[in-house]
Amino acid sequence: MRHELNRRARPLRIALLAALACAGGATIALAQGRAAPAPMAMKPVVCRSVDAAKGKSGDELAAALEAQALEMHGHGYGLSGLLGGEVPVACYRSLADVSRLPRGAR
C-alpha cells in the first residue's frame, strides 16, 4: 500500500516542481525589470473616433489628429484613412509583419 501511494504522488510532485520553476522564472524576470513576454493579438485595421477633434478645424484639428496618430504609431499602427464628421474617425492599419507574429496573434 505504501508503495502505491509513492507512485501516485510522483506526478503531483513533478507538476508542483514545474509550477514552482515557472513562477520562479517569472519572479526573477520581474525582479530584473523585464516583463514576462506574452503574445498579443494585432487587428489588421482599427478605427477610432477622435474625440479631442470634436468641433475643431484647421490647426487645432490637425494637432488632435496628429496626437492620436502618434499614440497609435507607438502601438504598431499607421494612419490609413480619415472619415469626416462632427467627430472625425481615424482608421489605422497594422504595421506588424504577419509572418513574424506568434501563432495565436494572427
PDB file of N, CA and C in Angstrom:
ATOM      1  N   MET A   1       0.825  -1.190   0.000  1.00  0.00           N
ATOM      2  CA  MET A   1       0.000   0.000   0.000  1.00  0.00           C
ATOM      3  C   MET A   1       0.872   1.258   0.000  1.00  0.00           C
ATOM      4  N   ARG A   2       1.884   1.272   0.832  1.00  0.00           N
ATOM      5  CA  ARG A   2       2.760   2.439   0.898  1.00  0.00           C
ATOM      6  C   ARG A   2       3.455   2.666  -0.442  1.00  0.00           C
ATOM      7  N   HIS A   3       3.828   1.601  -1.129  1.00  0.00           N
ATOM      8  CA  HIS A   3       4.491   1.705  -2.425  1.00  0.00           C
ATOM      9  C   HIS A   3       3.558   2.363  -3.452  1.00  0.00           C
ATOM     10  N   GLU A   4       2.251   2.054  -3.417  1.00  0.00           N
ATOM     11  CA  GLU A   4       1.281   2.652  -4.342  1.00  0.00           C
ATOM     12  C   GLU A   4       1.126   4.152  -4.086  1.00  0.00           C
ATOM     13  N   LEU A   5       1.135   4.568  -2.845  1.00  0.00           N
ATOM     14  CA  LEU A   5       0.994   5.985  -2.538  1.00  0.00           C
ATOM     15  C   LEU A   5       2.152   6.798  -3.101  1.00  0.00           C
ATOM     16  N   ASN A   6       3.367   6.260  -3.020  1.00  0.00           N
ATOM     17  CA  ASN A   6       4.515   6.973  -3.561  1.00  0.00           C
ATOM     18  C   ASN A   6       4.408   7.133  -5.070  1.00  0.00           C
ATOM     19  N   ARG A   7       3.919   6.118  -5.760  1.00  0.00           N
ATOM     20  CA  ARG A   7       3.786   6.211  -7.217  1.00  0.00           C
ATOM     21  C   ARG A   7       2.701   7.219  -7.604  1.00  0.00           C
ATOM     22  N   ARG A   8       1.637   7.272  -6.852  1.00  0.00           N
ATOM     23  CA  ARG A   8       0.576   8.222  -7.152  1.00  0.00           C
ATOM     24  C   ARG A   8       1.038   9.658  -6.890  1.00  0.00           C
ATOM     25  N   ALA A   9       1.863   9.850  -5.931  1.00  0.00           N
ATOM     26  CA  ALA A   9       2.301  11.188  -5.570  1.00  0.00           C
ATOM     27  C   ALA A   9       3.378  11.725  -6.517  1.00  0.00           C
ATOM     28  N   ARG A  10       4.056  10.855  -7.254  1.00  0.00           N
ATOM     29  CA  ARG A  10       5.161  11.298  -8.092  1.00  0.00           C
ATOM     30  C   ARG A  10       4.712  12.302  -9.172  1.00  0.00           C
ATOM     31  N   PRO A  11       3.640  12.066  -9.947  1.00  0.00           N
ATOM     32  CA  PRO A  11       3.236  13.079 -10.936  1.00  0.00           C
ATOM     33  C   PRO A  11       2.844  14.404 -10.274  1.00  0.00           C
ATOM     34  N   LEU A  12       2.280  14.328  -9.097  1.00  0.00           N
ATOM     35  CA  LEU A  12       1.919  15.550  -8.384  1.00  0.00           C
ATOM     36  C   LEU A  12       3.168  16.333  -7.994  1.00  0.00           C
ATOM     37  N   ARG A  13       4.182  15.610  -7.539  1.00  0.00           N
ATOM     38  CA  ARG A  13       5.437  16.271  -7.180  1.00  0.00           C
ATOM     39  C   ARG A  13       6.072  16.928  -8.409  1.00  0.00           C
ATOM     40  N   ILE A  14       6.046  16.240  -9.537  1.00  0.00           N
ATOM     41  CA  ILE A  14       6.625  16.788 -10.767  1.00  0.00           C
ATOM     42  C   ILE A  14       5.870  18.040 -11.194  1.00  0.00           C
ATOM     43  N   ALA A  15       4.546  17.992 -11.131  1.00  0.00           N
ATOM     44  CA  ALA A  15       3.745  19.156 -11.512  1.00  0.00           C
ATOM     45  C   ALA A  15       4.007  20.329 -10.572  1.00  0.00           C
ATOM     46  N   LEU A  16       4.133  20.033  -9.282  1.00  0.00           N
ATOM     47  CA  LEU A  16       4.400  21.085  -8.306  1.00  0.00           C
ATOM     48  C   LEU A  16       5.765  21.719  -8.545  1.00  0.00           C
ATOM     49  N   LEU A  17       6.779  20.896  -8.818  1.00  0.00           N
ATOM     50  CA  LEU A  17       8.112  21.424  -9.089  1.00  0.00           C
ATOM     51  C   LEU A  17       8.132  22.254 -10.376  1.00  0.00           C
ATOM     52  N   ALA A  18       7.403  21.809 -11.389  1.00  0.00           N
ATOM     53  CA  ALA A  18       7.337  22.561 -12.647  1.00  0.00           C
ATOM     54  C   ALA A  18       6.661  23.913 -12.431  1.00  0.00           C
ATOM     55  N   ALA A  19       5.591  23.939 -11.653  1.00  0.00           N
ATOM     56  CA  ALA A  19       4.892  25.197 -11.377  1.00  0.00           C
ATOM     57  C   ALA A  19       5.789  26.154 -10.603  1.00  0.00           C
ATOM     58  N   LEU A  20       6.519  25.624  -9.639  1.00  0.00           N
ATOM     59  CA  LEU A  20       7.434  26.471  -8.871  1.00  0.00           C
ATOM     60  C   LEU A  20       8.562  27.006  -9.744  1.00  0.00           C
ATOM     61  N   ALA A  21       9.054  26.194 -10.667  1.00  0.00           N
ATOM     62  CA  ALA A  21      10.124  26.643 -11.563  1.00  0.00           C
ATOM     63  C   ALA A  21       9.626  27.763 -12.472  1.00  0.00           C
ATOM     64  N   CYS A  22       8.403  27.641 -13.008  1.00  0.00           N
ATOM     65  CA  CYS A  22       7.842  28.691 -13.863  1.00  0.00           C
ATOM     66  C   CYS A  22       7.628  29.976 -13.073  1.00  0.00           C
ATOM     67  N   ALA A  23       7.079  29.844 -11.881  1.00  0.00           N
ATOM     68  CA  ALA A  23       6.835  31.027 -11.052  1.00  0.00           C
ATOM     69  C   ALA A  23       8.155  31.679 -10.654  1.00  0.00           C
ATOM     70  N   GLY A  24       9.152  30.859 -10.369  1.00  0.00           N
ATOM     71  CA  GLY A  24      10.459  31.402 -10.019  1.00  0.00           C
ATOM     72  C   GLY A  24      11.090  32.153 -11.169  1.00  0.00           C
ATOM     73  N   GLY A  25      10.953  31.631 -12.400  1.00  0.00           N
ATOM     74  CA  GLY A  25      11.485  32.320 -13.574  1.00  0.00           C
ATOM     75  C   GLY A  25      10.803  33.651 -13.806  1.00  0.00           C
ATOM     76  N   ALA A  26       9.491  33.693 -13.619  1.00  0.00           N
ATOM     77  CA  ALA A  26       8.757  34.950 -13.785  1.00  0.00           C
ATOM     78  C   ALA A  26       9.145  35.949 -12.696  1.00  0.00           C
ATOM     79  N   THR A  27       9.363  35.466 -11.495  1.00  0.00           N
ATOM     80  CA  THR A  27       9.762  36.342 -10.401  1.00  0.00           C
ATOM     81  C   THR A  27      11.137  36.938 -10.659  1.00  0.00           C
ATOM     82  N   ILE A  28      12.054  36.123 -11.154  1.00  0.00           N
ATOM     83  CA  ILE A  28      13.396  36.619 -11.469  1.00  0.00           C
ATOM     84  C   ILE A  28      13.322  37.655 -12.579  1.00  0.00           C
ATOM     85  N   ALA A  29      12.513  37.393 -13.614  1.00  0.00           N
ATOM     86  CA  ALA A  29      12.374  38.338 -14.727  1.00  0.00           C
ATOM     87  C   ALA A  29      11.812  39.668 -14.244  1.00  0.00           C
ATOM     88  N   LEU A  30      10.810  39.624 -13.367  1.00  0.00           N
ATOM     89  CA  LEU A  30      10.230  40.857 -12.847  1.00  0.00           C
ATOM     90  C   LEU A  30      11.213  41.598 -11.944  1.00  0.00           C
ATOM     91  N   ALA A  31      12.000  40.857 -11.163  1.00  0.00           N
ATOM     92  CA  ALA A  31      12.978  41.491 -10.288  1.00  0.00           C
ATOM     93  C   ALA A  31      14.071  42.182 -11.095  1.00  0.00           C
ATOM     94  N   GLN A  32      14.382  41.655 -12.271  1.00  0.00           N
ATOM     95  CA  GLN A  32      15.405  42.256 -13.124  1.00  0.00           C
ATOM     96  C   GLN A  32      14.835  43.363 -13.995  1.00  0.00           C
ATOM     97  N   GLY A  33      13.559  43.664 -13.859  1.00  0.00           N
ATOM     98  CA  GLY A  33      12.948  44.745 -14.612  1.00  0.00           C
ATOM     99  C   GLY A  33      12.436  44.331 -15.980  1.00  0.00           C
ATOM    100  N   ARG A  34      12.373  43.045 -16.255  1.00  0.00           N
ATOM    101  CA  ARG A  34      11.857  42.567 -17.533  1.00  0.00           C
ATOM    102  C   ARG A  34      10.450  42.027 -17.325  1.00  0.00           C
ATOM    103  N   ALA A  35       9.588  42.321 -18.243  1.00  0.00           N
ATOM    104  CA  ALA A  35       8.233  41.779 -18.178  1.00  0.00           C
ATOM    105  C   ALA A  35       8.218  40.410 -18.846  1.00  0.00           C
ATOM    106  N   ALA A  36       7.389  39.531 -18.356  1.00  0.00           N
ATOM    107  CA  ALA A  36       7.254  38.219 -18.973  1.00  0.00           C
ATOM    108  C   ALA A  36       6.590  38.392 -20.336  1.00  0.00           C
ATOM    109  N   PRO A  37       7.182  37.845 -21.405  1.00  0.00           N
ATOM    110  CA  PRO A  37       6.615  38.042 -22.741  1.00  0.00           C
ATOM    111  C   PRO A  37       5.288  37.309 -22.895  1.00  0.00           C
ATOM    112  N   ALA A  38       4.339  37.977 -23.501  1.00  0.00           N
ATOM    113  CA  ALA A  38       3.039  37.375 -23.764  1.00  0.00           C
ATOM    114  C   ALA A  38       2.617  37.775 -25.174  1.00  0.00           C
ATOM    115  N   PRO A  39       2.188  36.812 -25.979  1.00  0.00           N
ATOM    116  CA  PRO A  39       1.759  37.165 -27.335  1.00  0.00           C
ATOM    117  C   PRO A  39       0.504  38.024 -27.297  1.00  0.00           C
ATOM    118  N   MET A  40       0.482  39.027 -28.152  1.00  0.00           N
ATOM    119  CA  MET A  40      -0.653  39.941 -28.204  1.00  0.00           C
ATOM    120  C   MET A  40      -1.285  39.846 -29.584  1.00  0.00           C
ATOM    121  N   ALA A  41      -2.586  39.925 -29.616  1.00  0.00           N
ATOM    122  CA  ALA A  41      -3.290  39.888 -30.893  1.00  0.00           C
ATOM    123  C   ALA A  41      -3.228  41.265 -31.550  1.00  0.00           C
ATOM    124  N   MET A  42      -3.014  41.265 -32.850  1.00  0.00           N
ATOM    125  CA  MET A  42      -2.969  42.508 -33.618  1.00  0.00           C
ATOM    126  C   MET A  42      -4.123  42.476 -34.608  1.00  0.00           C
ATOM    127  N   LYS A  43      -4.953  43.487 -34.576  1.00  0.00           N
ATOM    128  CA  LYS A  43      -6.023  43.602 -35.555  1.00  0.00           C
ATOM    129  C   LYS A  43      -5.434  44.240 -36.807  1.00  0.00           C
ATOM    130  N   PRO A  44      -5.842  43.800 -38.008  1.00  0.00           N
ATOM    131  CA  PRO A  44      -5.285  44.391 -39.226  1.00  0.00           C
ATOM    132  C   PRO A  44      -5.694  45.848 -39.416  1.00  0.00           C
ATOM    133  N   VAL A  45      -6.901  46.224 -38.997  1.00  0.00           N
ATOM    134  CA  VAL A  45      -7.380  47.602 -39.122  1.00  0.00           C
ATOM    135  C   VAL A  45      -8.133  47.974 -37.845  1.00  0.00           C
ATOM    136  N   VAL A  46      -7.844  49.171 -37.335  1.00  0.00           N
ATOM    137  CA  VAL A  46      -8.519  49.685 -36.146  1.00  0.00           C
ATOM    138  C   VAL A  46      -9.025  51.077 -36.480  1.00  0.00           C
ATOM    139  N   CYS A  47     -10.300  51.342 -36.195  1.00  0.00           N
ATOM    140  CA  CYS A  47     -10.873  52.673 -36.399  1.00  0.00           C
ATOM    141  C   CYS A  47     -11.289  53.240 -35.044  1.00  0.00           C
ATOM    142  N   ARG A  48     -10.885  54.494 -34.773  1.00  0.00           N
ATOM    143  CA  ARG A  48     -11.207  55.142 -33.508  1.00  0.00           C
ATOM    144  C   ARG A  48     -11.707  56.549 -33.772  1.00  0.00           C
ATOM    145  N   SER A  49     -12.690  56.953 -32.987  1.00  0.00           N
ATOM    146  CA  SER A  49     -13.156  58.334 -33.107  1.00  0.00           C
ATOM    147  C   SER A  49     -12.151  59.242 -32.399  1.00  0.00           C
ATOM    148  N   VAL A  50     -11.961  60.423 -32.955  1.00  0.00           N
ATOM    149  CA  VAL A  50     -11.010  61.380 -32.394  1.00  0.00           C
ATOM    150  C   VAL A  50     -11.828  62.407 -31.607  1.00  0.00           C
ATOM    151  N   ASP A  51     -12.113  62.078 -30.353  1.00  0.00           N
ATOM    152  CA  ASP A  51     -12.960  62.937 -29.516  1.00  0.00           C
ATOM    153  C   ASP A  51     -12.319  64.297 -29.260  1.00  0.00           C
ATOM    154  N   ALA A  52     -10.989  64.351 -29.240  1.00  0.00           N
ATOM    155  CA  ALA A  52     -10.302  65.620 -28.997  1.00  0.00           C
ATOM    156  C   ALA A  52     -10.471  66.589 -30.168  1.00  0.00           C
ATOM    157  N   ALA A  53     -10.883  66.076 -31.335  1.00  0.00           N
ATOM    158  CA  ALA A  53     -11.033  66.922 -32.522  1.00  0.00           C
ATOM    159  C   ALA A  53     -12.474  67.373 -32.733  1.00  0.00           C
ATOM    160  N   LYS A  54     -13.372  67.053 -31.815  1.00  0.00           N
ATOM    161  CA  LYS A  54     -14.787  67.389 -31.978  1.00  0.00           C
ATOM    162  C   LYS A  54     -14.980  68.905 -32.023  1.00  0.00           C
ATOM    163  N   GLY A  55     -15.577  69.364 -33.103  1.00  0.00           N
ATOM    164  CA  GLY A  55     -15.886  70.777 -33.255  1.00  0.00           C
ATOM    165  C   GLY A  55     -14.689  71.663 -33.580  1.00  0.00           C
ATOM    166  N   LYS A  56     -13.560  71.094 -33.941  1.00  0.00           N
ATOM    167  CA  LYS A  56     -12.378  71.888 -34.240  1.00  0.00           C
ATOM    168  C   LYS A  56     -12.104  71.891 -35.736  1.00  0.00           C
ATOM    169  N   SER A  57     -11.324  72.857 -36.178  1.00  0.00           N
ATOM    170  CA  SER A  57     -10.943  72.909 -37.589  1.00  0.00           C
ATOM    171  C   SER A  57      -9.547  73.502 -37.697  1.00  0.00           C
ATOM    172  N   GLY A  58      -8.960  73.370 -38.853  1.00  0.00           N
ATOM    173  CA  GLY A  58      -7.646  73.952 -39.112  1.00  0.00           C
ATOM    174  C   GLY A  58      -6.538  73.308 -38.298  1.00  0.00           C
ATOM    175  N   ASP A  59      -5.699  74.159 -37.712  1.00  0.00           N
ATOM    176  CA  ASP A  59      -4.534  73.681 -36.968  1.00  0.00           C
ATOM    177  C   ASP A  59      -4.925  72.884 -35.730  1.00  0.00           C
ATOM    178  N   GLU A  60      -6.019  73.256 -35.081  1.00  0.00           N
ATOM    179  CA  GLU A  60      -6.465  72.515 -33.890  1.00  0.00           C
ATOM    180  C   GLU A  60      -6.874  71.095 -34.263  1.00  0.00           C
ATOM    181  N   LEU A  61      -7.588  70.952 -35.384  1.00  0.00           N
ATOM    182  CA  LEU A  61      -7.989  69.631 -35.864  1.00  0.00           C
ATOM    183  C   LEU A  61      -6.758  68.812 -36.214  1.00  0.00           C
ATOM    184  N   ALA A  62      -5.811  69.417 -36.919  1.00  0.00           N
ATOM    185  CA  ALA A  62      -4.591  68.710 -37.311  1.00  0.00           C
ATOM    186  C   ALA A  62      -3.794  68.258 -36.090  1.00  0.00           C
ATOM    187  N   ALA A  63      -3.729  69.108 -35.065  1.00  0.00           N
ATOM    188  CA  ALA A  63      -2.988  68.751 -33.856  1.00  0.00           C
ATOM    189  C   ALA A  63      -3.640  67.580 -33.127  1.00  0.00           C
ATOM    190  N   ALA A  64      -4.971  67.573 -33.057  1.00  0.00           N
ATOM    191  CA  ALA A  64      -5.681  66.473 -32.390  1.00  0.00           C
ATOM    192  C   ALA A  64      -5.489  65.163 -33.149  1.00  0.00           C
ATOM    193  N   LEU A  65      -5.571  65.224 -34.486  1.00  0.00           N
ATOM    194  CA  LEU A  65      -5.369  64.017 -35.300  1.00  0.00           C
ATOM    195  C   LEU A  65      -3.931  63.514 -35.182  1.00  0.00           C
ATOM    196  N   GLU A  66      -2.984  64.444 -35.184  1.00  0.00           N
ATOM    197  CA  GLU A  66      -1.580  64.056 -35.086  1.00  0.00           C
ATOM    198  C   GLU A  66      -1.271  63.425 -33.734  1.00  0.00           C
ATOM    199  N   ALA A  67      -1.861  63.949 -32.672  1.00  0.00           N
ATOM    200  CA  ALA A  67      -1.624  63.387 -31.337  1.00  0.00           C
ATOM    201  C   ALA A  67      -2.098  61.938 -31.261  1.00  0.00           C
ATOM    202  N   GLN A  68      -3.298  61.675 -31.806  1.00  0.00           N
ATOM    203  CA  GLN A  68      -3.792  60.300 -31.775  1.00  0.00           C
ATOM    204  C   GLN A  68      -2.984  59.405 -32.706  1.00  0.00           C
ATOM    205  N   ALA A  69      -2.569  59.922 -33.856  1.00  0.00           N
ATOM    206  CA  ALA A  69      -1.764  59.129 -34.790  1.00  0.00           C
ATOM    207  C   ALA A  69      -0.428  58.738 -34.163  1.00  0.00           C
ATOM    208  N   LEU A  70       0.186  59.643 -33.414  1.00  0.00           N
ATOM    209  CA  LEU A  70       1.446  59.318 -32.741  1.00  0.00           C
ATOM    210  C   LEU A  70       1.238  58.266 -31.656  1.00  0.00           C
ATOM    211  N   GLU A  71       0.124  58.370 -30.943  1.00  0.00           N
ATOM    212  CA  GLU A  71      -0.192  57.366 -29.917  1.00  0.00           C
ATOM    213  C   GLU A  71      -0.363  55.985 -30.543  1.00  0.00           C
ATOM    214  N   MET A  72      -1.112  55.931 -31.636  1.00  0.00           N
ATOM    215  CA  MET A  72      -1.351  54.639 -32.291  1.00  0.00           C
ATOM    216  C   MET A  72      -0.084  54.095 -32.949  1.00  0.00           C
ATOM    217  N   HIS A  73       0.785  54.983 -33.426  1.00  0.00           N
ATOM    218  CA  HIS A  73       2.046  54.531 -34.017  1.00  0.00           C
ATOM    219  C   HIS A  73       2.901  53.832 -32.965  1.00  0.00           C
ATOM    220  N   GLY A  74       2.833  54.302 -31.741  1.00  0.00           N
ATOM    221  CA  GLY A  74       3.551  53.653 -30.651  1.00  0.00           C
ATOM    222  C   GLY A  74       3.044  52.247 -30.365  1.00  0.00           C
ATOM    223  N   HIS A  75       1.804  51.965 -30.749  1.00  0.00           N
ATOM    224  CA  HIS A  75       1.224  50.636 -30.566  1.00  0.00           C
ATOM    225  C   HIS A  75       1.363  49.776 -31.811  1.00  0.00           C
ATOM    226  N   GLY A  76       2.031  50.285 -32.842  1.00  0.00           N
ATOM    227  CA  GLY A  76       2.278  49.483 -34.038  1.00  0.00           C
ATOM    228  C   GLY A  76       1.256  49.677 -35.146  1.00  0.00           C
ATOM    229  N   TYR A  77       0.597  50.816 -35.206  1.00  0.00           N
ATOM    230  CA  TYR A  77      -0.402  51.087 -36.234  1.00  0.00           C
ATOM    231  C   TYR A  77      -0.057  52.392 -36.948  1.00  0.00           C
ATOM    232  N   GLY A  78      -0.312  52.428 -38.262  1.00  0.00           N
ATOM    233  CA  GLY A  78      -0.093  53.622 -39.061  1.00  0.00           C
ATOM    234  C   GLY A  78      -1.410  54.156 -39.585  1.00  0.00           C
ATOM    235  N   LEU A  79      -1.524  55.466 -39.699  1.00  0.00           N
ATOM    236  CA  LEU A  79      -2.753  56.108 -40.173  1.00  0.00           C
ATOM    237  C   LEU A  79      -3.005  55.716 -41.626  1.00  0.00           C
ATOM    238  N   SER A  80      -4.220  55.258 -41.911  1.00  0.00           N
ATOM    239  CA  SER A  80      -4.535  54.856 -43.287  1.00  0.00           C
ATOM    240  C   SER A  80      -5.716  55.615 -43.864  1.00  0.00           C
ATOM    241  N   GLY A  81      -6.577  56.202 -43.027  1.00  0.00           N
ATOM    242  CA  GLY A  81      -7.710  56.940 -43.574  1.00  0.00           C
ATOM    243  C   GLY A  81      -8.424  57.760 -42.528  1.00  0.00           C
ATOM    244  N   LEU A  82      -9.134  58.775 -43.008  1.00  0.00           N
ATOM    245  CA  LEU A  82      -9.917  59.644 -42.124  1.00  0.00           C
ATOM    246  C   LEU A  82     -11.338  59.740 -42.652  1.00  0.00           C
ATOM    247  N   LEU A  83     -12.300  59.734 -41.743  1.00  0.00           N
ATOM    248  CA  LEU A  83     -13.704  59.944 -42.089  1.00  0.00           C
ATOM    249  C   LEU A  83     -14.157  61.222 -41.401  1.00  0.00           C
ATOM    250  N   GLY A  84     -14.599  62.178 -42.185  1.00  0.00           N
ATOM    251  CA  GLY A  84     -15.021  63.454 -41.627  1.00  0.00           C
ATOM    252  C   GLY A  84     -16.377  63.369 -40.957  1.00  0.00           C
ATOM    253  N   GLY A  85     -16.690  64.348 -40.170  1.00  0.00           N
ATOM    254  CA  GLY A  85     -17.968  64.415 -39.479  1.00  0.00           C
ATOM    255  C   GLY A  85     -17.835  65.296 -38.258  1.00  0.00           C
ATOM    256  N   GLU A  86     -18.898  65.356 -37.447  1.00  0.00           N
ATOM    257  CA  GLU A  86     -18.850  66.129 -36.203  1.00  0.00           C
ATOM    258  C   GLU A  86     -17.701  65.632 -35.331  1.00  0.00           C
ATOM    259  N   VAL A  87     -17.595  64.314 -35.208  1.00  0.00           N
ATOM    260  CA  VAL A  87     -16.449  63.687 -34.532  1.00  0.00           C
ATOM    261  C   VAL A  87     -15.710  62.881 -35.590  1.00  0.00           C
ATOM    262  N   PRO A  88     -14.524  63.315 -36.027  1.00  0.00           N
ATOM    263  CA  PRO A  88     -13.807  62.577 -37.062  1.00  0.00           C
ATOM    264  C   PRO A  88     -13.428  61.176 -36.595  1.00  0.00           C
ATOM    265  N   VAL A  89     -13.350  60.259 -37.543  1.00  0.00           N
ATOM    266  CA  VAL A  89     -12.944  58.884 -37.267  1.00  0.00           C
ATOM    267  C   VAL A  89     -11.660  58.629 -38.036  1.00  0.00           C
ATOM    268  N   ALA A  90     -10.643  58.161 -37.330  1.00  0.00           N
ATOM    269  CA  ALA A  90      -9.359  57.845 -37.948  1.00  0.00           C
ATOM    270  C   ALA A  90      -9.197  56.328 -37.985  1.00  0.00           C
ATOM    271  N   CYS A  91      -8.797  55.804 -39.138  1.00  0.00           N
ATOM    272  CA  CYS A  91      -8.564  54.367 -39.289  1.00  0.00           C
ATOM    273  C   CYS A  91      -7.068  54.123 -39.420  1.00  0.00           C
ATOM    274  N   TYR A  92      -6.600  53.100 -38.743  1.00  0.00           N
ATOM    275  CA  TYR A  92      -5.186  52.765 -38.701  1.00  0.00           C
ATOM    276  C   TYR A  92      -5.004  51.322 -39.156  1.00  0.00           C
ATOM    277  N   ARG A  93      -3.911  51.073 -39.878  1.00  0.00           N
ATOM    278  CA  ARG A  93      -3.578  49.710 -40.302  1.00  0.00           C
ATOM    279  C   ARG A  93      -2.390  49.224 -39.482  1.00  0.00           C
ATOM    280  N   SER A  94      -2.322  47.933 -39.292  1.00  0.00           N
ATOM    281  CA  SER A  94      -1.239  47.347 -38.518  1.00  0.00           C
ATOM    282  C   SER A  94       0.066  47.435 -39.304  1.00  0.00           C
ATOM    283  N   LEU A  95       1.140  47.800 -38.623  1.00  0.00           N
ATOM    284  CA  LEU A  95       2.454  47.859 -39.249  1.00  0.00           C
ATOM    285  C   LEU A  95       3.250  46.584 -38.994  1.00  0.00           C
ATOM    286  N   ALA A  96       2.677  45.641 -38.251  1.00  0.00           N
ATOM    287  CA  ALA A  96       3.373  44.405 -37.899  1.00  0.00           C
ATOM    288  C   ALA A  96       3.423  43.470 -39.094  1.00  0.00           C
ATOM    289  N   ASP A  97       4.538  42.780 -39.224  1.00  0.00           N
ATOM    290  CA  ASP A  97       4.688  41.759 -40.256  1.00  0.00           C
ATOM    291  C   ASP A  97       3.970  40.508 -39.761  1.00  0.00           C
ATOM    292  N   VAL A  98       2.924  40.104 -40.460  1.00  0.00           N
ATOM    293  CA  VAL A  98       2.087  38.988 -40.014  1.00  0.00           C
ATOM    294  C   VAL A  98       2.902  37.705 -39.882  1.00  0.00           C
ATOM    295  N   SER A  99       3.887  37.520 -40.722  1.00  0.00           N
ATOM    296  CA  SER A  99       4.672  36.290 -40.665  1.00  0.00           C
ATOM    297  C   SER A  99       5.548  36.221 -39.410  1.00  0.00           C
ATOM    298  N   ARG A 100       5.784  37.350 -38.743  1.00  0.00           N
ATOM    299  CA  ARG A 100       6.632  37.358 -37.555  1.00  0.00           C
ATOM    300  C   ARG A 100       5.836  37.329 -36.255  1.00  0.00           C
ATOM    301  N   LEU A 101       4.500  37.411 -36.330  1.00  0.00           N
ATOM    302  CA  LEU A 101       3.675  37.361 -35.133  1.00  0.00           C
ATOM    303  C   LEU A 101       3.579  35.941 -34.612  1.00  0.00           C
ATOM    304  N   PRO A 102       3.404  35.744 -33.304  1.00  0.00           N
ATOM    305  CA  PRO A 102       3.185  34.407 -32.778  1.00  0.00           C
ATOM    306  C   PRO A 102       1.911  33.812 -33.344  1.00  0.00           C
ATOM    307  N   ARG A 103       1.841  32.492 -33.373  1.00  0.00           N
ATOM    308  CA  ARG A 103       0.722  31.804 -33.997  1.00  0.00           C
ATOM    309  C   ARG A 103      -0.629  32.249 -33.448  1.00  0.00           C
ATOM    310  N   GLY A 104      -0.766  32.482 -32.164  1.00  0.00           N
ATOM    311  CA  GLY A 104      -2.031  32.872 -31.576  1.00  0.00           C
ATOM    312  C   GLY A 104      -2.408  34.329 -31.814  1.00  0.00           C
ATOM    313  N   ALA A 105      -1.486  35.136 -32.320  1.00  0.00           N
ATOM    314  CA  ALA A 105      -1.735  36.553 -32.502  1.00  0.00           C
ATOM    315  C   ALA A 105      -2.088  36.916 -33.946  1.00  0.00           C
ATOM    316  N   ARG A 106      -2.239  35.943 -34.809  1.00  0.00           N
ATOM    317  CA  ARG A 106      -2.531  36.207 -36.226  1.00  0.00           C
ATOM    318  C   ARG A 106      -3.987  36.350 -36.470  1.00  0.00           C
TER     319      ARG A 106
END
